[in-house]
Protein backbone atom coordinates (compact mmCIF):
# COMPACT_ATOMS: atom_id res chain seq x y z
CA MET A 1 -11.96 26.19 -49.23
CA ILE A 2 -10.33 23.16 -47.56
CA GLU A 3 -9.78 19.56 -48.64
CA LEU A 4 -9.69 16.24 -46.82
CA THR A 5 -7.73 13.29 -48.15
CA PRO A 6 -9.72 10.05 -48.36
CA LEU A 7 -7.73 8.60 -45.44
CA ALA A 8 -8.38 11.67 -43.28
CA ALA A 9 -12.11 11.51 -44.08
CA GLU A 10 -12.17 7.81 -43.17
CA LYS A 11 -10.40 8.37 -39.84
CA LEU A 12 -12.57 11.38 -38.99
CA SER A 13 -15.76 9.47 -39.82
CA GLY A 14 -14.67 6.71 -37.44
CA LEU A 15 -13.98 9.17 -34.64
CA MET A 16 -17.20 11.08 -35.19
CA SER A 17 -19.28 7.90 -35.20
CA GLN A 18 -18.22 7.28 -31.58
CA ASN A 19 -20.24 10.33 -30.52
CA PRO A 20 -23.26 11.09 -32.74
CA ALA A 21 -23.56 14.62 -31.30
CA GLN A 22 -20.26 15.47 -33.00
CA ARG A 23 -21.52 16.48 -36.41
CA VAL A 24 -19.06 19.14 -37.51
CA LEU A 25 -15.29 19.21 -37.87
CA ARG A 26 -14.08 22.66 -36.87
CA VAL A 27 -10.77 23.78 -38.38
CA TYR A 28 -9.08 26.89 -36.99
CA VAL A 29 -5.78 28.68 -36.66
CA ALA A 30 -4.47 28.03 -33.16
CA GLY A 31 -1.46 30.32 -33.40
CA GLN A 32 1.65 31.14 -35.35
CA SER A 33 5.26 30.27 -34.68
CA CYS A 34 8.47 30.85 -36.55
CA CYS A 35 7.65 27.65 -38.49
CA GLY A 36 4.30 28.90 -39.73
CA PHE A 37 0.73 28.52 -38.64
CA GLN A 38 -0.46 26.05 -36.04
CA TYR A 39 -3.84 24.59 -36.88
CA GLY A 40 -6.48 23.14 -34.62
CA LEU A 41 -9.11 20.49 -35.32
CA ALA A 42 -12.06 19.95 -33.02
CA PHE A 43 -15.45 18.28 -33.19
CA ASP A 44 -18.49 20.43 -32.65
CA GLU A 45 -22.20 19.78 -32.34
CA ALA A 46 -23.24 22.47 -34.81
CA ARG A 47 -21.94 25.16 -37.06
CA LEU A 48 -21.85 28.69 -35.67
CA PRO A 49 -23.18 31.87 -37.25
CA GLY A 50 -20.63 33.20 -39.72
CA ASP A 51 -18.91 29.84 -40.28
CA ALA A 52 -17.89 28.91 -43.79
CA VAL A 53 -19.04 25.31 -44.26
CA VAL A 54 -18.23 22.68 -46.88
CA GLU A 55 -18.86 18.96 -47.09
CA ARG A 56 -15.81 16.83 -47.85
CA GLY A 57 -15.87 13.05 -47.89
CA GLY A 58 -19.08 12.92 -45.90
CA ILE A 59 -17.68 15.29 -43.26
CA GLU A 60 -19.11 18.75 -42.64
CA VAL A 61 -16.12 21.08 -42.21
CA ALA A 62 -16.64 24.49 -40.56
CA VAL A 63 -14.16 27.37 -40.44
CA ASP A 64 -14.72 30.58 -38.48
CA PRO A 65 -14.41 33.89 -40.35
CA ASP A 66 -11.13 34.85 -38.63
CA SER A 67 -9.41 31.57 -39.57
CA LEU A 68 -10.81 31.29 -43.10
CA PRO A 69 -8.18 33.41 -44.89
CA TYR A 70 -5.42 31.31 -43.30
CA VAL A 71 -6.85 27.85 -44.00
CA GLU A 72 -8.07 28.60 -47.53
CA GLY A 73 -6.49 26.03 -49.86
CA ALA A 74 -5.24 23.73 -47.08
CA THR A 75 -5.50 19.94 -47.10
CA ILE A 76 -6.06 17.81 -44.01
CA ASP A 77 -4.41 14.41 -44.15
CA PHE A 78 -3.87 11.51 -41.76
CA VAL A 79 -0.31 10.28 -41.52
CA ASP A 80 0.49 6.79 -40.26
CA ALA A 81 3.92 6.78 -38.65
CA LEU A 82 5.97 4.20 -36.78
CA MET A 83 5.87 6.29 -33.59
CA GLY A 84 2.15 7.06 -33.93
CA GLY A 85 -0.02 8.72 -36.50
CA GLY A 86 -2.11 11.80 -36.54
CA PHE A 87 -3.77 14.49 -38.55
CA THR A 88 -1.71 17.06 -40.36
CA VAL A 89 -2.68 20.24 -42.17
CA ARG A 90 -0.74 21.10 -45.30
CA ASN A 91 -1.16 24.62 -46.61
CA PRO A 92 1.19 25.27 -49.51
CA LYS A 93 -0.02 28.85 -49.80
CA LEU A 94 1.05 29.86 -46.28
CA ASP A 95 3.54 27.38 -44.87
CA SER A 96 7.18 28.02 -45.54
CA GLY A 97 9.23 25.16 -46.91
CA GLY A 98 12.62 26.26 -45.67
CA GLY A 99 12.50 25.34 -42.03
CA CYS A 100 12.55 27.87 -39.27
CA ALA A 101 15.00 29.76 -37.14
CA CYS A 102 14.52 27.57 -34.07
CA GLY A 103 15.69 24.48 -35.95
CA ARG A 104 12.35 22.67 -35.88
CA ARG A 105 10.73 21.26 -39.02
């Protein structure tokens, strides 16, 4: 369904350990722009009815039924960058590689 890189799993484990009630990583589609889908990541206390759930790198990942078709096959990674790092979602099945009309990318 969805993959986590080892670095992403490590960073998520560290964040989740700061609040033991946060047991589930929720991945969802937050919207769509001319550059493709915008994904959201949030911590949750429990899975919800209808969630698709997998365990990756010690992290329980939940995806709601509406988002599942759009995140299927995606990989969550953590990118360290000079100006700050963060999580990124790569979905080769859905994201376009050619840039977008607004010039972002």
